[in-house]
Amino acid sequence: MSDITQMIIAMVMYFLFDQFLKPYLLRKWLGVALVAAGAVGCVVAGQSRLLGFDLGLLSVFAVGMGVGLFMRRRRFEQIG
């Protein structure tokens, strides 16, 4: 699978997580888990592939998705 296709799949996954994952704790801990798994995957996976997906590239995307979820974790909380 090409890198562009993998990037599009990752962006769609991030959009779906960002729009439909509303509970604060779930966004927080999923963000932390994605950052941790992505960081470990960047070191361990390297250039290996699984079912056509480049695991190193997916690890980089996981870090980005995790940071995005963690930084916007209070997006759906009521103010006031």
N, C-alpha and C. Protein backbone atom coordinates (compact mmCIF):
# COMPACT_ATOMS: atom_id res chain seq x y z
N MET A 1 0.85 -1.17 0.00
CA MET A 1 0.00 0.00 0.00
C MET A 1 0.90 1.24 0.00
N SER A 2 0.51 2.25 -0.76
CA SER A 2 1.36 3.42 -0.88
C SER A 2 1.30 4.29 0.39
N ASP A 3 2.30 5.13 0.54
CA ASP A 3 2.37 6.00 1.71
C ASP A 3 1.22 7.01 1.73
N ILE A 4 0.83 7.48 0.55
CA ILE A 4 -0.27 8.44 0.47
C ILE A 4 -1.57 7.81 0.95
N THR A 5 -1.82 6.58 0.55
CA THR A 5 -3.03 5.88 0.99
C THR A 5 -3.02 5.68 2.49
N GLN A 6 -1.87 5.31 3.05
CA GLN A 6 -1.76 5.14 4.49
C GLN A 6 -2.00 6.46 5.22
N MET A 7 -1.49 7.56 4.66
CA MET A 7 -1.68 8.86 5.27
C MET A 7 -3.16 9.26 5.25
N ILE A 8 -3.85 8.98 4.16
CA ILE A 8 -5.27 9.30 4.07
C ILE A 8 -6.07 8.48 5.07
N ILE A 9 -5.75 7.20 5.21
CA ILE A 9 -6.43 6.35 6.19
C ILE A 9 -6.20 6.88 7.60
N ALA A 10 -4.98 7.28 7.91
CA ALA A 10 -4.67 7.81 9.24
C ALA A 10 -5.41 9.13 9.50
N MET A 11 -5.51 9.98 8.50
CA MET A 11 -6.22 11.25 8.67
C MET A 11 -7.72 11.02 8.87
N VAL A 12 -8.28 10.06 8.16
CA VAL A 12 -9.70 9.73 8.35
C VAL A 12 -9.93 9.17 9.75
N MET A 13 -9.03 8.31 10.21
CA MET A 13 -9.15 7.77 11.57
C MET A 13 -9.07 8.88 12.61
N TYR A 14 -8.14 9.83 12.43
CA TYR A 14 -8.04 10.94 13.37
C TYR A 14 -9.31 11.78 13.36
N PHE A 15 -9.86 12.05 12.17
CA PHE A 15 -11.09 12.84 12.08
C PHE A 15 -12.23 12.13 12.81
N LEU A 16 -12.34 10.82 12.61
CA LEU A 16 -13.41 10.07 13.27
C LEU A 16 -13.24 10.07 14.79
N PHE A 17 -12.01 9.83 15.26
CA PHE A 17 -11.75 9.89 16.70
C PHE A 17 -12.06 11.28 17.25
N ASP A 18 -11.63 12.31 16.55
CA ASP A 18 -11.79 13.68 17.04
C ASP A 18 -13.25 14.09 17.08
N GLN A 19 -14.06 13.64 16.14
CA GLN A 19 -15.46 14.06 16.08
C GLN A 19 -16.38 13.23 16.98
N PHE A 20 -16.13 11.94 17.10
CA PHE A 20 -17.09 11.08 17.76
C PHE A 20 -16.65 10.57 19.13
N LEU A 21 -15.43 10.80 19.53
CA LEU A 21 -14.94 10.37 20.83
C LEU A 21 -15.08 11.55 21.78
N LYS A 22 -16.15 11.56 22.60
CA LYS A 22 -16.48 12.74 23.39
C LYS A 22 -16.06 12.70 24.85
N PRO A 23 -16.07 11.56 25.55
CA PRO A 23 -15.73 11.59 26.98
C PRO A 23 -14.29 12.04 27.23
N TYR A 24 -14.14 12.93 28.20
CA TYR A 24 -12.85 13.51 28.52
C TYR A 24 -11.81 12.44 28.86
N LEU A 25 -12.15 11.53 29.75
CA LEU A 25 -11.18 10.52 30.18
C LEU A 25 -10.76 9.60 29.04
N LEU A 26 -11.70 9.25 28.19
CA LEU A 26 -11.38 8.37 27.07
C LEU A 26 -10.44 9.07 26.08
N ARG A 27 -10.70 10.35 25.79
CA ARG A 27 -9.82 11.12 24.90
C ARG A 27 -8.43 11.25 25.51
N LYS A 28 -8.39 11.51 26.81
CA LYS A 28 -7.11 11.69 27.49
C LYS A 28 -6.27 10.41 27.45
N TRP A 29 -6.86 9.30 27.87
CA TRP A 29 -6.07 8.08 27.98
C TRP A 29 -5.80 7.44 26.63
N LEU A 30 -6.70 7.59 25.66
CA LEU A 30 -6.40 7.11 24.32
C LEU A 30 -5.26 7.93 23.70
N GLY A 31 -5.26 9.23 23.97
CA GLY A 31 -4.16 10.08 23.50
C GLY A 31 -2.83 9.67 24.10
N VAL A 32 -2.82 9.43 25.40
CA VAL A 32 -1.58 9.00 26.07
C VAL A 32 -1.12 7.65 25.54
N ALA A 33 -2.06 6.73 25.35
CA ALA A 33 -1.71 5.40 24.86
C ALA A 33 -1.18 5.46 23.43
N LEU A 34 -1.78 6.29 22.58
CA LEU A 34 -1.29 6.41 21.21
C LEU A 34 0.09 7.03 21.15
N VAL A 35 0.35 8.03 21.99
CA VAL A 35 1.69 8.64 22.01
C VAL A 35 2.72 7.61 22.47
N ALA A 36 2.40 6.88 23.53
CA ALA A 36 3.35 5.88 24.04
C ALA A 36 3.57 4.76 23.03
N ALA A 37 2.50 4.23 22.45
CA ALA A 37 2.65 3.16 21.47
C ALA A 37 3.37 3.64 20.23
N GLY A 38 3.08 4.86 19.81
CA GLY A 38 3.76 5.41 18.64
C GLY A 38 5.24 5.63 18.88
N ALA A 39 5.59 6.12 20.06
CA ALA A 39 7.00 6.33 20.38
C ALA A 39 7.77 5.01 20.41
N VAL A 40 7.18 4.01 21.03
CA VAL A 40 7.82 2.70 21.07
C VAL A 40 7.88 2.11 19.66
N GLY A 41 6.82 2.26 18.90
CA GLY A 41 6.79 1.73 17.53
C GLY A 41 7.80 2.39 16.63
N CYS A 42 8.06 3.69 16.82
CA CYS A 42 9.06 4.38 16.00
C CYS A 42 10.44 3.77 16.20
N VAL A 43 10.73 3.35 17.41
CA VAL A 43 12.04 2.78 17.70
C VAL A 43 12.09 1.31 17.29
N VAL A 44 11.06 0.55 17.59
CA VAL A 44 11.07 -0.89 17.40
C VAL A 44 10.72 -1.31 15.96
N ALA A 45 9.69 -0.69 15.38
CA ALA A 45 9.16 -1.17 14.11
C ALA A 45 10.09 -0.91 12.94
N GLY A 46 10.66 0.28 12.87
CA GLY A 46 11.54 0.59 11.74
C GLY A 46 10.82 0.53 10.42
N GLN A 47 11.31 -0.26 9.49
CA GLN A 47 10.73 -0.36 8.15
C GLN A 47 9.92 -1.64 7.94
N SER A 48 9.48 -2.27 9.02
CA SER A 48 8.72 -3.51 8.85
C SER A 48 7.29 -3.21 8.42
N ARG A 49 6.69 -4.21 7.78
CA ARG A 49 5.33 -4.07 7.26
C ARG A 49 4.45 -5.18 7.82
N LEU A 50 3.17 -4.83 7.99
CA LEU A 50 2.18 -5.79 8.44
C LEU A 50 0.92 -5.57 7.61
N LEU A 51 0.52 -6.57 6.85
CA LEU A 51 -0.65 -6.49 5.98
C LEU A 51 -0.58 -5.31 5.01
N GLY A 52 0.62 -4.98 4.56
CA GLY A 52 0.81 -3.90 3.61
C GLY A 52 0.99 -2.53 4.23
N PHE A 53 0.84 -2.40 5.55
CA PHE A 53 1.02 -1.13 6.24
C PHE A 53 2.44 -1.01 6.76
N ASP A 54 3.06 0.13 6.54
CA ASP A 54 4.39 0.42 7.05
C ASP A 54 4.25 0.78 8.53
N LEU A 55 4.75 -0.07 9.42
CA LEU A 55 4.55 0.13 10.85
C LEU A 55 5.28 1.36 11.38
N GLY A 56 6.41 1.69 10.80
CA GLY A 56 7.12 2.90 11.21
C GLY A 56 6.32 4.15 10.90
N LEU A 57 5.72 4.19 9.72
CA LEU A 57 4.90 5.32 9.32
C LEU A 57 3.64 5.41 10.17
N LEU A 58 3.02 4.28 10.45
CA LEU A 58 1.84 4.29 11.31
C LEU A 58 2.18 4.72 12.74
N SER A 59 3.39 4.42 13.19
CA SER A 59 3.81 4.86 14.51
C SER A 59 3.91 6.38 14.58
N VAL A 60 4.42 6.98 13.52
CA VAL A 60 4.50 8.44 13.47
C VAL A 60 3.10 9.04 13.48
N PHE A 61 2.18 8.45 12.73
CA PHE A 61 0.80 8.92 12.72
C PHE A 61 0.15 8.74 14.09
N ALA A 62 0.46 7.66 14.78
CA ALA A 62 -0.11 7.41 16.10
C ALA A 62 0.32 8.49 17.09
N VAL A 63 1.57 8.91 17.01
CA VAL A 63 2.04 9.98 17.89
C VAL A 63 1.26 11.26 17.60
N GLY A 64 1.10 11.59 16.34
CA GLY A 64 0.36 12.80 15.98
C GLY A 64 -1.10 12.74 16.42
N MET A 65 -1.75 11.60 16.22
CA MET A 65 -3.14 11.46 16.65
C MET A 65 -3.26 11.55 18.17
N GLY A 66 -2.32 10.92 18.87
CA GLY A 66 -2.36 10.96 20.33
C GLY A 66 -2.18 12.36 20.87
N VAL A 67 -1.26 13.11 20.30
CA VAL A 67 -1.04 14.49 20.74
C VAL A 67 -2.29 15.33 20.45
N GLY A 68 -2.88 15.13 19.28
CA GLY A 68 -4.09 15.87 18.94
C GLY A 68 -5.25 15.57 19.89
N LEU A 69 -5.45 14.31 20.21
CA LEU A 69 -6.52 13.95 21.15
C LEU A 69 -6.23 14.49 22.54
N PHE A 70 -4.99 14.40 22.98
CA PHE A 70 -4.65 14.84 24.33
C PHE A 70 -4.77 16.35 24.46
N MET A 71 -4.30 17.08 23.47
CA MET A 71 -4.34 18.54 23.56
C MET A 71 -5.76 19.09 23.49
N ARG A 72 -6.65 18.40 22.81
CA ARG A 72 -8.04 18.85 22.70
C ARG A 72 -8.98 17.97 23.52
N ARG A 73 -8.52 17.46 24.65
CA ARG A 73 -9.30 16.52 25.43
C ARG A 73 -10.52 17.14 26.07
N ARG A 74 -10.53 18.41 26.33
CA ARG A 74 -11.67 19.08 26.96
C ARG A 74 -12.61 19.74 25.95
N ARG A 75 -12.54 19.33 24.73
CA ARG A 75 -13.29 19.95 23.64
C ARG A 75 -14.80 19.91 23.85
N PHE A 76 -15.31 18.83 24.41
CA PHE A 76 -16.75 18.65 24.51
C PHE A 76 -17.29 18.92 25.92
N GLU A 77 -16.46 19.45 26.83
CA GLU A 77 -16.93 19.73 28.19
C GLU A 77 -17.77 21.00 28.20
N GLN A 78 -18.75 21.02 29.08
CA GLN A 78 -19.61 22.20 29.22
C GLN A 78 -18.87 23.29 30.00
N ILE A 79 -19.00 24.51 29.53
CA ILE A 79 -18.35 25.65 30.21
C ILE A 79 -19.40 26.34 31.06
N GLY A 80 -19.05 26.53 32.33
CA GLY A 80 -19.93 27.27 33.22
C GLY A 80 -20.80 26.45 34.01
